[in-house]
PDB file of N, CA and C in Angstrom:
ATOM      1  N   ASP A   1      -0.322  10.632  -4.520  1.00  0.00           N
ATOM      2  CA  ASP A   1      -0.751  11.492  -2.896  1.00  0.00           C
ATOM      3  C   ASP A   1      -1.131  10.490  -2.411  1.00  0.00           C
ATOM      4  N   LYS A   2      -1.136   9.705  -1.177  1.00  0.00           N
ATOM      5  CA  LYS A   2      -1.295   8.749  -0.701  1.00  0.00           C
ATOM      6  C   LYS A   2      -2.923   8.727  -0.051  1.00  0.00           C
ATOM      7  N   ILE A   3      -3.246   7.656  -0.116  1.00  0.00           N
ATOM      8  CA  ILE A   3      -4.451   7.412   0.960  1.00  0.00           C
ATOM      9  C   ILE A   3      -4.705   6.835   1.576  1.00  0.00           C
ATOM     10  N   HIS A   4      -4.972   7.290   2.954  1.00  0.00           N
ATOM     11  CA  HIS A   4      -5.582   6.643   4.389  1.00  0.00           C
ATOM     12  C   HIS A   4      -7.198   6.488   4.182  1.00  0.00           C
ATOM     13  N   GLN A   5      -7.166   5.026   4.353  1.00  0.00           N
ATOM     14  CA  GLN A   5      -9.205   4.836   5.016  1.00  0.00           C
ATOM     15  C   GLN A   5      -8.950   3.947   5.948  1.00  0.00           C
ATOM     16  N   THR A   6      -9.860   4.317   6.925  1.00  0.00           N
ATOM     17  CA  THR A   6     -10.131   3.090   8.087  1.00  0.00           C
ATOM     18  C   THR A   6     -11.214   2.897   7.988  1.00  0.00           C
ATOM     19  N   TRP A   7     -11.677   1.757   8.265  1.00  0.00           N
ATOM     20  CA  TRP A   7     -12.939   1.226   8.657  1.00  0.00           C
ATOM     21  C   TRP A   7     -13.440   0.635  10.053  1.00  0.00           C
ATOM     22  N   ILE A   8     -14.443   1.005  10.681  1.00  0.00           N
ATOM     23  CA  ILE A   8     -14.927   0.654  12.017  1.00  0.00           C
ATOM     24  C   ILE A   8     -16.288   0.880  12.008  1.00  0.00           C
ATOM     25  N   ALA A   9     -16.290  -0.977  12.849  1.00  0.00           N
ATOM     26  CA  ALA A   9     -18.005  -1.430  13.136  1.00  0.00           C
ATOM     27  C   ALA A   9     -18.141  -1.513  14.161  1.00  0.00           C
ATOM     28  N   TRP A  10     -19.597  -0.513  14.821  1.00  0.00           N
ATOM     29  CA  TRP A  10     -19.686  -0.677  16.433  1.00  0.00           C
ATOM     30  C   TRP A  10     -20.907  -0.311  16.622  1.00  0.00           C
ATOM     31  N   ASP A  11     -21.629  -0.570  17.776  1.00  0.00           N
ATOM     32  CA  ASP A  11     -22.867  -0.196  18.382  1.00  0.00           C
ATOM     33  C   ASP A  11     -23.388   1.316  17.959  1.00  0.00           C
ATOM     34  N   GLU A  12     -24.273   1.344  16.916  1.00  0.00           N
ATOM     35  CA  GLU A  12     -24.399   2.987  16.298  1.00  0.00           C
ATOM     36  C   GLU A  12     -25.025   3.524  18.123  1.00  0.00           C
ATOM     37  N   GLY A  13     -25.502   2.608  18.876  1.00  0.00           N
ATOM     38  CA  GLY A  13     -26.394   3.702  20.196  1.00  0.00           C
ATOM     39  C   GLY A  13     -25.016   3.994  20.984  1.00  0.00           C
ATOM     40  N   LEU A  14     -23.522   3.961  20.742  1.00  0.00           N
ATOM     41  CA  LEU A  14     -22.778   4.196  21.387  1.00  0.00           C
ATOM     42  C   LEU A  14     -21.974   5.926  20.661  1.00  0.00           C
ATOM     43  N   VAL A  15     -22.837   5.934  19.536  1.00  0.00           N
ATOM     44  CA  VAL A  15     -22.014   6.819  18.564  1.00  0.00           C
ATOM     45  C   VAL A  15     -22.549   8.267  19.171  1.00  0.00           C
ATOM     46  N   LYS A  16     -21.887   9.044  19.059  1.00  0.00           N
ATOM     47  CA  LYS A  16     -21.770  10.660  20.258  1.00  0.00           C
ATOM     48  C   LYS A  16     -21.360  11.535  18.701  1.00  0.00           C
ATOM     49  N   SER A  17     -21.704  12.483  18.943  1.00  0.00           N
ATOM     50  CA  SER A  17     -21.319  13.790  17.939  1.00  0.00           C
ATOM     51  C   SER A  17     -22.503  15.061  17.724  1.00  0.00           C
ATOM     52  N   VAL A  18     -21.882  16.401  17.357  1.00  0.00           N
ATOM     53  CA  VAL A  18     -23.214  17.319  17.132  1.00  0.00           C
ATOM     54  C   VAL A  18     -24.349  17.126  16.662  1.00  0.00           C
ATOM     55  N   ARG A  19     -24.294  16.572  15.457  1.00  0.00           N
ATOM     56  CA  ARG A  19     -25.420  16.107  14.789  1.00  0.00           C
ATOM     57  C   ARG A  19     -26.031  14.753  15.007  1.00  0.00           C
ATOM     58  N   ASN A  20     -25.629  13.821  15.924  1.00  0.00           N
ATOM     59  CA  ASN A  20     -26.410  12.601  16.720  1.00  0.00           C
ATOM     60  C   ASN A  20     -26.175  12.067  17.957  1.00  0.00           C
ATOM     61  N   ARG A  21     -27.432  11.842  18.357  1.00  0.00           N
ATOM     62  CA  ARG A  21     -27.550  11.811  19.766  1.00  0.00           C
ATOM     63  C   ARG A  21     -27.452  10.526  20.075  1.00  0.00           C
ATOM     64  N   GLY A  22     -26.796   9.625  19.239  1.00  0.00           N
ATOM     65  CA  GLY A  22     -27.047   7.912  19.625  1.00  0.00           C
ATOM     66  C   GLY A  22     -27.653   7.291  18.675  1.00  0.00           C
ATOM     67  N   SER A  23     -28.577   7.964  18.461  1.00  0.00           N
ATOM     68  CA  SER A  23     -29.603   7.008  17.725  1.00  0.00           C
ATOM     69  C   SER A  23     -29.650   7.937  15.986  1.00  0.00           C
ATOM     70  N   TRP A  24     -29.773   7.108  14.916  1.00  0.00           N
ATOM     71  CA  TRP A  24     -30.044   7.999  13.646  1.00  0.00           C
ATOM     72  C   TRP A  24     -30.945   8.807  13.221  1.00  0.00           C
ATOM     73  N   ASP A  25     -30.097   9.783  12.802  1.00  0.00           N
ATOM     74  CA  ASP A  25     -31.402  10.774  12.047  1.00  0.00           C
ATOM     75  C   ASP A  25     -31.175  10.917  10.640  1.00  0.00           C
ATOM     76  N   LEU A  26     -32.320  10.229   9.905  1.00  0.00           N
ATOM     77  CA  LEU A  26     -31.923  10.236   8.571  1.00  0.00           C
ATOM     78  C   LEU A  26     -31.989  11.176   7.757  1.00  0.00           C
ATOM     79  N   SER A  27     -33.029  12.221   8.299  1.00  0.00           N
ATOM     80  CA  SER A  27     -33.243  13.359   7.300  1.00  0.00           C
ATOM     81  C   SER A  27     -31.366  14.076   7.240  1.00  0.00           C
ATOM     82  N   THR A  28     -30.705  13.661   8.134  1.00  0.00           N
ATOM     83  CA  THR A  28     -29.267  14.177   7.905  1.00  0.00           C
ATOM     84  C   THR A  28     -29.174  13.736   6.493  1.00  0.00           C
ATOM     85  N   ARG A  29     -28.716  15.032   5.339  1.00  0.00           N
ATOM     86  CA  ARG A  29     -28.369  15.174   4.381  1.00  0.00           C
ATOM     87  C   ARG A  29     -27.151  14.450   3.880  1.00  0.00           C
ATOM     88  N   ASP A  30     -25.915  14.585   4.792  1.00  0.00           N
ATOM     89  CA  ASP A  30     -24.696  13.992   4.243  1.00  0.00           C
ATOM     90  C   ASP A  30     -25.080  12.274   4.876  1.00  0.00           C
ATOM     91  N   LEU A  31     -25.647  11.923   5.251  1.00  0.00           N
ATOM     92  CA  LEU A  31     -25.544  10.352   5.714  1.00  0.00           C
ATOM     93  C   LEU A  31     -26.659   9.649   4.932  1.00  0.00           C
ATOM     94  N   MET A  32     -25.709   8.698   4.341  1.00  0.00           N
ATOM     95  CA  MET A  32     -26.687   7.982   3.420  1.00  0.00           C
ATOM     96  C   MET A  32     -26.860   6.855   4.169  1.00  0.00           C
ATOM     97  N   ALA A  33     -27.890   5.869   4.542  1.00  0.00           N
ATOM     98  CA  ALA A  33     -28.279   4.515   5.036  1.00  0.00           C
ATOM     99  C   ALA A  33     -28.980   3.695   4.358  1.00  0.00           C
ATOM    100  N   GLN A  34     -28.422   2.567   5.017  1.00  0.00           N
ATOM    101  CA  GLN A  34     -28.799   1.173   4.089  1.00  0.00           C
ATOM    102  C   GLN A  34     -29.915   0.747   4.920  1.00  0.00           C
ATOM    103  N   GLN A  35     -31.359   0.756   4.806  1.00  0.00           N
ATOM    104  CA  GLN A  35     -32.225  -0.044   5.432  1.00  0.00           C
ATOM    105  C   GLN A  35     -32.534  -1.160   4.814  1.00  0.00           C
ATOM    106  N   GLY A  36     -32.962  -1.919   5.668  1.00  0.00           N
ATOM    107  CA  GLY A  36     -33.635  -3.640   6.000  1.00  0.00           C
ATOM    108  C   GLY A  36     -34.589  -3.209   6.369  1.00  0.00           C
ATOM    109  N   ASP A  37     -35.352  -4.775   6.449  1.00  0.00           N
ATOM    110  CA  ASP A  37     -36.369  -5.150   6.974  1.00  0.00           C
ATOM    111  C   ASP A  37     -36.393  -4.765   8.601  1.00  0.00           C
ATOM    112  N   GLU A  38     -35.350  -5.539   9.482  1.00  0.00           N
ATOM    113  CA  GLU A  38     -34.521  -4.924  10.328  1.00  0.00           C
ATOM    114  C   GLU A  38     -34.880  -3.424  11.081  1.00  0.00           C
ATOM    115  N   GLY A  39     -34.644  -2.709  10.159  1.00  0.00           N
ATOM    116  CA  GLY A  39     -34.243  -1.303  10.382  1.00  0.00           C
ATOM    117  C   GLY A  39     -32.746  -0.620   9.815  1.00  0.00           C
ATOM    118  N   LEU A  40     -32.414  -0.132  10.016  1.00  0.00           N
ATOM    119  CA  LEU A  40     -30.766   0.589   9.548  1.00  0.00           C
ATOM    120  C   LEU A  40     -29.906  -0.730   9.667  1.00  0.00           C
ATOM    121  N   GLN A  41     -29.108  -0.638   8.818  1.00  0.00           N
ATOM    122  CA  GLN A  41     -28.248  -1.842   8.538  1.00  0.00           C
ATOM    123  C   GLN A  41     -26.949  -0.890   8.262  1.00  0.00           C
ATOM    124  N   GLY A  42     -27.015   0.213   7.842  1.00  0.00           N
ATOM    125  CA  GLY A  42     -25.812   0.863   7.755  1.00  0.00           C
ATOM    126  C   GLY A  42     -25.634   2.343   7.201  1.00  0.00           C
ATOM    127  N   ALA A  43     -24.513   3.395   7.375  1.00  0.00           N
ATOM    128  CA  ALA A  43     -24.443   4.428   6.483  1.00  0.00           C
ATOM    129  C   ALA A  43     -22.901   4.877   6.391  1.00  0.00           C
ATOM    130  N   VAL A  44     -23.179   5.708   5.807  1.00  0.00           N
ATOM    131  CA  VAL A  44     -21.809   6.230   5.514  1.00  0.00           C
ATOM    132  C   VAL A  44     -21.854   7.595   5.705  1.00  0.00           C
ATOM    133  N   GLN A  45     -21.172   8.546   6.217  1.00  0.00           N
ATOM    134  CA  GLN A  45     -20.903   9.928   6.375  1.00  0.00           C
ATOM    135  C   GLN A  45     -19.962  10.698   5.712  1.00  0.00           C
ATOM    136  N   PHE A  46     -19.607  11.594   5.189  1.00  0.00           N
ATOM    137  CA  PHE A  46     -18.951  11.910   4.320  1.00  0.00           C
ATOM    138  C   PHE A  46     -18.567  13.132   5.057  1.00  0.00           C
ATOM    139  N   LEU A  47     -17.107  13.433   5.331  1.00  0.00           N
ATOM    140  CA  LEU A  47     -16.488  14.307   6.314  1.00  0.00           C
ATOM    141  C   LEU A  47     -16.203  15.549   5.702  1.00  0.00           C
ATOM    142  N   ASP A  48     -15.662  16.627   6.340  1.00  0.00           N
ATOM    143  CA  ASP A  48     -15.198  17.663   5.718  1.00  0.00           C
ATOM    144  C   ASP A  48     -13.760  17.293   5.343  1.00  0.00           C
ATOM    145  N   ASN A  49     -13.031  16.755   6.025  1.00  0.00           N
ATOM    146  CA  ASN A  49     -11.619  16.523   5.444  1.00  0.00           C
ATOM    147  C   ASN A  49     -11.413  15.517   4.544  1.00  0.00           C
ATOM    148  N   LYS A  50     -12.563  15.259   3.262  1.00  0.00           N
ATOM    149  CA  LYS A  50     -12.555  14.687   2.258  1.00  0.00           C
ATOM    150  C   LYS A  50     -12.302  12.745   2.223  1.00  0.00           C
ATOM    151  N   LYS A  51     -12.823  13.040   3.860  1.00  0.00           N
ATOM    152  CA  LYS A  51     -12.761  11.601   4.182  1.00  0.00           C
ATOM    153  C   LYS A  51     -14.405  10.910   4.514  1.00  0.00           C
ATOM    154  N   ALA A  52     -14.262  10.087   5.109  1.00  0.00           N
ATOM    155  CA  ALA A  52     -15.854   9.310   5.277  1.00  0.00           C
ATOM    156  C   ALA A  52     -15.995   7.667   6.030  1.00  0.00           C
ATOM    157  N   ASP A  53     -16.686   8.077   7.123  1.00  0.00           N
ATOM    158  CA  ASP A  53     -16.854   7.096   8.024  1.00  0.00           C
ATOM    159  C   ASP A  53     -17.931   6.146   7.456  1.00  0.00           C
ATOM    160  N   ILE A  54     -17.629   4.979   7.861  1.00  0.00           N
ATOM    161  CA  ILE A  54     -18.625   3.500   7.505  1.00  0.00           C
ATOM    162  C   ILE A  54     -19.161   3.300   8.590  1.00  0.00           C
ATOM    163  N   LEU A  55     -20.237   3.042   8.938  1.00  0.00           N
ATOM    164  CA  LEU A  55     -21.233   2.825  10.334  1.00  0.00           C
ATOM    165  C   LEU A  55     -21.968   1.491   9.667  1.00  0.00           C
ATOM    166  N   LEU A  56     -21.802   0.612  10.741  1.00  0.00           N
ATOM    167  CA  LEU A  56     -22.486  -0.838  10.163  1.00  0.00           C
ATOM    168  C   LEU A  56     -23.081  -1.012  11.949  1.00  0.00           C
ATOM    169  N   SER A  57     -24.414  -1.059  11.621  1.00  0.00           N
ATOM    170  CA  SER A  57     -25.435  -1.648  12.862  1.00  0.00           C
ATOM    171  C   SER A  57     -25.490  -3.126  13.086  1.00  0.00           C
ATOM    172  N   ALA A  58     -25.986  -3.162  14.117  1.00  0.00           N
ATOM    173  CA  ALA A  58     -26.117  -4.647  14.275  1.00  0.00           C
ATOM    174  C   ALA A  58     -27.351  -5.597  13.737  1.00  0.00           C
ATOM    175  N   ASN A  59     -27.416  -4.700  12.581  1.00  0.00           N
ATOM    176  CA  ASN A  59     -28.701  -5.563  11.556  1.00  0.00           C
ATOM    177  C   ASN A  59     -27.839  -5.529  10.245  1.00  0.00           C
ATOM    178  N   ALA A  60     -26.588  -5.146  10.186  1.00  0.00           N
ATOM    179  CA  ALA A  60     -25.827  -5.190   8.640  1.00  0.00           C
ATOM    180  C   ALA A  60     -26.007  -6.456   8.752  1.00  0.00           C
ATOM    181  N   ASP A  61     -26.145  -6.690   7.535  1.00  0.00           N
ATOM    182  CA  ASP A  61     -25.685  -7.919   6.826  1.00  0.00           C
ATOM    183  C   ASP A  61     -24.365  -7.933   5.863  1.00  0.00           C
ATOM    184  N   PRO A  62     -24.031  -9.048   5.189  1.00  0.00           N
ATOM    185  CA  PRO A  62     -22.690  -9.201   4.716  1.00  0.00           C
ATOM    186  C   PRO A  62     -22.699  -8.408   3.474  1.00  0.00           C
ATOM    187  N   THR A  63     -23.958  -7.678   2.686  1.00  0.00           N
ATOM    188  CA  THR A  63     -23.516  -6.591   1.739  1.00  0.00           C
ATOM    189  C   THR A  63     -23.806  -5.707   2.249  1.00  0.00           C
ATOM    190  N   THR A  64     -24.197  -5.257   3.307  1.00  0.00           N
ATOM    191  CA  THR A  64     -24.085  -3.685   3.874  1.00  0.00           C
ATOM    192  C   THR A  64     -22.898  -3.017   3.849  1.00  0.00           C
ATOM    193  N   PHE A  65     -21.451  -3.417   3.942  1.00  0.00           N
ATOM    194  CA  PHE A  65     -20.113  -2.857   3.930  1.00  0.00           C
ATOM    195  C   PHE A  65     -20.054  -2.276   2.942  1.00  0.00           C
ATOM    196  N   ILE A  66     -20.287  -3.576   1.453  1.00  0.00           N
ATOM    197  CA  ILE A  66     -20.374  -3.082   0.355  1.00  0.00           C
ATOM    198  C   ILE A  66     -20.796  -2.166  -0.489  1.00  0.00           C
ATOM    199  N   HIS A  67     -22.394  -2.178   0.186  1.00  0.00           N
ATOM    200  CA  HIS A  67     -23.220  -0.820  -0.465  1.00  0.00           C
ATOM    201  C   HIS A  67     -22.641   0.130   0.242  1.00  0.00           C
ATOM    202  N   GLU A  68     -22.194   0.446   1.665  1.00  0.00           N
ATOM    203  CA  GLU A  68     -21.629   1.448   1.919  1.00  0.00           C
ATOM    204  C   GLU A  68     -20.498   2.156   0.958  1.00  0.00           C
ATOM    205  N   MET A  69     -19.906   1.186   0.760  1.00  0.00           N
ATOM    206  CA  MET A  69     -18.392   1.606  -0.288  1.00  0.00           C
ATOM    207  C   MET A  69     -19.213   2.004  -1.569  1.00  0.00           C
ATOM    208  N   GLY A  70     -20.099   1.568  -1.578  1.00  0.00           N
ATOM    209  CA  GLY A  70     -20.293   2.166  -3.109  1.00  0.00           C
ATOM    210  C   GLY A  70     -20.436   3.496  -3.388  1.00  0.00           C
ATOM    211  N   HIS A  71     -21.209   4.360  -2.085  1.00  0.00           N
ATOM    212  CA  HIS A  71     -21.484   5.381  -1.940  1.00  0.00           C
ATOM    213  C   HIS A  71     -20.009   6.241  -2.119  1.00  0.00           C
ATOM    214  N   ILE A  72     -18.633   5.594  -1.411  1.00  0.00           N
ATOM    215  CA  ILE A  72     -17.333   6.227  -1.426  1.00  0.00           C
ATOM    216  C   ILE A  72     -16.919   6.184  -3.052  1.00  0.00           C
ATOM    217  N   MET A  73     -16.926   5.097  -3.297  1.00  0.00           N
ATOM    218  CA  MET A  73     -16.544   4.757  -4.873  1.00  0.00           C
ATOM    219  C   MET A  73     -16.913   5.622  -5.531  1.00  0.00           C
ATOM    220  N   ARG A  74     -18.418   5.820  -5.438  1.00  0.00           N
ATOM    221  CA  ARG A  74     -19.042   7.060  -6.851  1.00  0.00           C
ATOM    222  C   ARG A  74     -18.429   8.193  -7.041  1.00  0.00           C
ATOM    223  N   ARG A  75     -17.527   8.447  -5.753  1.00  0.00           N
ATOM    224  CA  ARG A  75     -17.019   9.919  -5.428  1.00  0.00           C
ATOM    225  C   ARG A  75     -15.742   9.956  -5.910  1.00  0.00           C
ATOM    226  N   GLN A  76     -14.985   8.658  -6.167  1.00  0.00           N
ATOM    227  CA  GLN A  76     -13.394   8.663  -6.710  1.00  0.00           C
ATOM    228  C   GLN A  76     -13.812   8.255  -7.982  1.00  0.00           C
ATOM    229  N   LEU A  77     -14.576   8.275  -8.795  1.00  0.00           N
ATOM    230  CA  LEU A  77     -14.269   8.000 -10.211  1.00  0.00           C
ATOM    231  C   LEU A  77     -13.970   8.803 -10.942  1.00  0.00           C
ATOM    232  N   PRO A  78     -13.336   8.631 -12.222  1.00  0.00           N
ATOM    233  CA  PRO A  78     -12.571   9.206 -13.168  1.00  0.00           C
ATOM    234  C   PRO A  78     -13.610   9.953 -13.857  1.00  0.00           C
ATOM    235  N   LYS A  79     -13.678  10.778 -14.168  1.00  0.00           N
ATOM    236  CA  LYS A  79     -14.572  12.021 -15.612  1.00  0.00           C
ATOM    237  C   LYS A  79     -15.488  11.044 -16.116  1.00  0.00           C
ATOM    238  N   TYR A  80     -14.880  10.304 -16.835  1.00  0.00           N
ATOM    239  CA  TYR A  80     -15.607   9.543 -17.945  1.00  0.00           C
ATOM    240  C   TYR A  80     -16.535   8.379 -17.208  1.00  0.00           C
ATOM    241  N   GLN A  81     -15.868   7.799 -16.004  1.00  0.00           N
ATOM    242  CA  GLN A  81     -16.752   6.753 -15.704  1.00  0.00           C
ATOM    243  C   GLN A  81     -18.010   7.267 -14.724  1.00  0.00           C
ATOM    244  N   LEU A  82     -17.530   8.978 -14.058  1.00  0.00           N
ATOM    245  CA  LEU A  82     -18.039   9.122 -13.221  1.00  0.00           C
ATOM    246  C   LEU A  82     -19.680   9.487 -14.391  1.00  0.00           C
ATOM    247  N   GLN A  83     -19.263  10.276 -15.205  1.00  0.00           N
ATOM    248  CA  GLN A  83     -20.735  10.558 -16.772  1.00  0.00           C
ATOM    249  C   GLN A  83     -21.683   9.405 -16.579  1.00  0.00           C
ATOM    250  N   ALA A  84     -20.564   8.306 -16.908  1.00  0.00           N
ATOM    251  CA  ALA A  84     -21.617   6.947 -17.242  1.00  0.00           C
ATOM    252  C   ALA A  84     -22.681   6.616 -16.174  1.00  0.00           C
ATOM    253  N   ALA A  85     -21.761   6.908 -14.593  1.00  0.00           N
ATOM    254  CA  ALA A  85     -22.837   6.740 -13.226  1.00  0.00           C
ATOM    255  C   ALA A  85     -23.897   7.526 -13.690  1.00  0.00           C
ATOM    256  N   GLU A  86     -23.542   8.740 -13.297  1.00  0.00           N
ATOM    257  CA  GLU A  86     -24.759   9.800 -13.289  1.00  0.00           C
ATOM    258  C   GLU A  86     -25.756   9.263 -14.556  1.00  0.00           C
ATOM    259  N   THR A  87     -25.247   8.799 -16.058  1.00  0.00           N
ATOM    260  CA  THR A  87     -26.373   8.266 -16.716  1.00  0.00           C
ATOM    261  C   THR A  87     -27.211   7.085 -16.466  1.00  0.00           C
ATOM    262  N   PHE A  88     -26.428   6.289 -15.778  1.00  0.00           N
ATOM    263  CA  PHE A  88     -27.002   4.903 -15.604  1.00  0.00           C
ATOM    264  C   PHE A  88     -28.062   5.405 -14.083  1.00  0.00           C
ATOM    265  N   SER A  89     -27.609   6.426 -13.160  1.00  0.00           N
ATOM    266  CA  SER A  89     -28.579   6.784 -12.200  1.00  0.00           C
ATOM    267  C   SER A  89     -29.653   7.692 -12.005  1.00  0.00           C
ATOM    268  N   GLY A  90     -29.619   8.668 -13.020  1.00  0.00           N
ATOM    269  CA  GLY A  90     -30.763   8.883 -13.478  1.00  0.00           C
ATOM    270  C   GLY A  90     -30.233  10.879 -13.005  1.00  0.00           C
ATOM    271  N   VAL A  91     -29.206  10.999 -12.809  1.00  0.00           N
ATOM    272  CA  VAL A  91     -28.444  12.427 -12.399  1.00  0.00           C
ATOM    273  C   VAL A  91     -29.254  13.420 -13.323  1.00  0.00           C
ATOM    274  N   LYS A  92     -29.007  14.618 -12.548  1.00  0.00           N
ATOM    275  CA  LYS A  92     -29.344  15.685 -14.149  1.00  0.00           C
ATOM    276  C   LYS A  92     -28.835  16.847 -13.741  1.00  0.00           C
ATOM    277  N   GLY A  93     -28.382  17.123 -14.167  1.00  0.00           N
ATOM    278  CA  GLY A  93     -27.518  18.152 -13.739  1.00  0.00           C
ATOM    279  C   GLY A  93     -25.872  18.181 -12.849  1.00  0.00           C
ATOM    280  N   GLY A  94     -25.026  17.358 -12.552  1.00  0.00           N
ATOM    281  CA  GLY A  94     -24.549  16.856 -11.729  1.00  0.00           C
ATOM    282  C   GLY A  94     -25.168  16.828 -10.776  1.00  0.00           C
ATOM    283  N   LYS A  95     -26.263  17.051 -10.309  1.00  0.00           N
ATOM    284  CA  LYS A  95     -26.541  17.206  -8.877  1.00  0.00           C
ATOM    285  C   LYS A  95     -27.137  15.857  -8.511  1.00  0.00           C
ATOM    286  N   TRP A  96     -26.763  15.147  -7.545  1.00  0.00           N
ATOM    287  CA  TRP A  96     -27.019  13.434  -6.818  1.00  0.00           C
ATOM    288  C   TRP A  96     -28.112  13.802  -6.084  1.00  0.00           C
ATOM    289  N   THR A  97     -29.314  13.362  -6.238  1.00  0.00           N
ATOM    290  CA  THR A  97     -30.250  12.607  -5.148  1.00  0.00           C
ATOM    291  C   THR A  97     -29.646  11.954  -4.351  1.00  0.00           C
ATOM    292  N   VAL A  98     -30.516  11.319  -3.307  1.00  0.00           N
ATOM    293  CA  VAL A  98     -30.583  10.393  -2.552  1.00  0.00           C
ATOM    294  C   VAL A  98     -30.937   8.842  -3.470  1.00  0.00           C
ATOM    295  N   GLU A  99     -32.145   9.147  -3.803  1.00  0.00           N
ATOM    296  CA  GLU A  99     -32.293   8.206  -4.733  1.00  0.00           C
ATOM    297  C   GLU A  99     -31.094   7.690  -6.129  1.00  0.00           C
ATOM    298  N   ALA A 100     -31.089   8.828  -6.774  1.00  0.00           N
ATOM    299  CA  ALA A 100     -29.609   8.702  -7.573  1.00  0.00           C
ATOM    300  C   ALA A 100     -28.435   8.109  -6.875  1.00  0.00           C
ATOM    301  N   GLU A 101     -28.218   8.120  -5.473  1.00  0.00           N
ATOM    302  CA  GLU A 101     -26.826   7.415  -4.647  1.00  0.00           C
ATOM    303  C   GLU A 101     -27.283   6.210  -4.362  1.00  0.00           C
ATOM    304  N   GLU A 102     -28.469   5.642  -3.917  1.00  0.00           N
ATOM    305  CA  GLU A 102     -28.832   4.484  -3.498  1.00  0.00           C
ATOM    306  C   GLU A 102     -29.050   3.820  -5.039  1.00  0.00           C
ATOM    307  N   LYS A 103     -29.399   4.122  -5.999  1.00  0.00           N
ATOM    308  CA  LYS A 103     -29.771   3.305  -7.452  1.00  0.00           C
ATOM    309  C   LYS A 103     -28.244   2.781  -7.429  1.00  0.00           C
ATOM    310  N   PHE A 104     -27.162   3.748  -7.356  1.00  0.00           N
ATOM    311  CA  PHE A 104     -25.609   3.569  -7.935  1.00  0.00           C
ATOM    312  C   PHE A 104     -24.850   2.582  -6.953  1.00  0.00           C
ATOM    313  N   ALA A 105     -25.336   2.438  -5.634  1.00  0.00           N
ATOM    314  CA  ALA A 105     -24.473   1.635  -4.637  1.00  0.00           C
ATOM    315  C   ALA A 105     -25.032   0.340  -4.995  1.00  0.00           C
ATOM    316  N   ARG A 106     -26.908   0.308  -4.906  1.00  0.00           N
ATOM    317  CA  ARG A 106     -27.559  -1.280  -5.362  1.00  0.00           C
ATOM    318  C   ARG A 106     -26.739  -1.859  -6.392  1.00  0.00           C
ATOM    319  N   ALA A 107     -26.552  -1.103  -7.535  1.00  0.00           N
ATOM    320  CA  ALA A 107     -26.210  -1.566  -8.483  1.00  0.00           C
ATOM    321  C   ALA A 107     -24.503  -1.606  -7.980  1.00  0.00           C
ATOM    322  N   PHE A 108     -23.949  -1.404  -7.232  1.00  0.00           N
ATOM    323  CA  PHE A 108     -22.240  -1.348  -7.142  1.00  0.00           C
ATOM    324  C   PHE A 108     -21.828  -2.765  -6.199  1.00  0.00           C
ATOM    325  N   GLU A 109     -23.463  -2.915  -5.063  1.00  0.00           N
ATOM    326  CA  GLU A 109     -23.297  -4.050  -4.567  1.00  0.00           C
ATOM    327  C   GLU A 109     -23.702  -5.272  -4.956  1.00  0.00           C
ATOM    328  N   ARG A 110     -24.810  -5.056  -6.544  1.00  0.00           N
ATOM    329  CA  ARG A 110     -24.434  -6.210  -7.296  1.00  0.00           C
ATOM    330  C   ARG A 110     -23.633  -6.844  -7.994  1.00  0.00           C
ATOM    331  N   PHE A 111     -22.507  -5.908  -8.542  1.00  0.00           N
ATOM    332  CA  PHE A 111     -21.708  -6.072  -9.449  1.00  0.00           C
ATOM    333  C   PHE A 111     -20.420  -7.027  -8.186  1.00  0.00           C
ATOM    334  N   VAL A 112     -20.903  -6.260  -7.207  1.00  0.00           N
ATOM    335  CA  VAL A 112     -19.435  -7.271  -6.462  1.00  0.00           C
ATOM    336  C   VAL A 112     -19.533  -8.457  -5.674  1.00  0.00           C
ATOM    337  N   CYS A 113     -21.045  -8.579  -5.862  1.00  0.00           N
ATOM    338  CA  CYS A 113     -21.567  -9.515  -5.230  1.00  0.00           C
ATOM    339  C   CYS A 113     -21.343 -10.570  -6.474  1.00  0.00           C
ATOM    340  N   ARG A 114     -21.890 -10.342  -7.607  1.00  0.00           N
ATOM    341  CA  ARG A 114     -21.426 -11.412  -8.650  1.00  0.00           C
ATOM    342  C   ARG A 114     -20.109 -11.824  -8.966  1.00  0.00           C
ATOM    343  N   THR A 115     -19.445 -10.979  -8.710  1.00  0.00           N
ATOM    344  CA  THR A 115     -18.010 -11.274  -8.982  1.00  0.00           C
ATOM    345  C   THR A 115     -17.190 -11.887  -7.867  1.00  0.00           C
ATOM    346  N   SER A 116     -17.992 -12.205  -6.714  1.00  0.00           N
ATOM    347  CA  SER A 116     -16.837 -12.307  -5.707  1.00  0.00           C
ATOM    348  C   SER A 116     -18.492 -13.674  -4.804  1.00  0.00           C
ATOM    349  N   VAL A 117     -17.838 -13.845  -3.856  1.00  0.00           N
ATOM    350  CA  VAL A 117     -18.877 -14.662  -3.187  1.00  0.00           C
ATOM    351  C   VAL A 117     -19.149 -13.551  -1.941  1.00  0.00           C
ATOM    352  N   CYS A 118     -20.488 -13.350  -1.582  1.00  0.00           N
ATOM    353  CA  CYS A 118     -21.102 -12.380  -0.775  1.00  0.00           C
ATOM    354  C   CYS A 118     -22.116 -13.355  -0.113  1.00  0.00           C
TER     355      CYS A 118
END
C-alpha cells in the first residue's frame, strides 16, 4: 500500500474553506494548533480521506513542522507503540484529548531535536 504525503506552507490568511474564514478557529476539534508567544505557529488538520494538511503560519519556528508531524506520526504507530504512547500521554480508554495530543507532539518534537539539529 503506497502512501503519498504533501506538505505546504502558506499564509494562513489565504486559507478558505467551509470551516475556516481565513482566520484560525481553535475550537475546531480536528485542528491541533501550536501556539507560541507570537500566536498561532502551526496546525494539522486531519481529513476524511485519511490524509492530513500541515499548516504553518508566519510565526512558525524551526520546530513547528516537527511538532505538527508528531500529531500525524502518533496516528501511524503500530499497536504496541500506540499503547506506550497512550500510557505516556495519559490517555484513558483510548480517547485522545487535546492535552494528550499536545503532550505527545511536544515529546516527539524534543526527541527529533535531540537526535538532529533543530
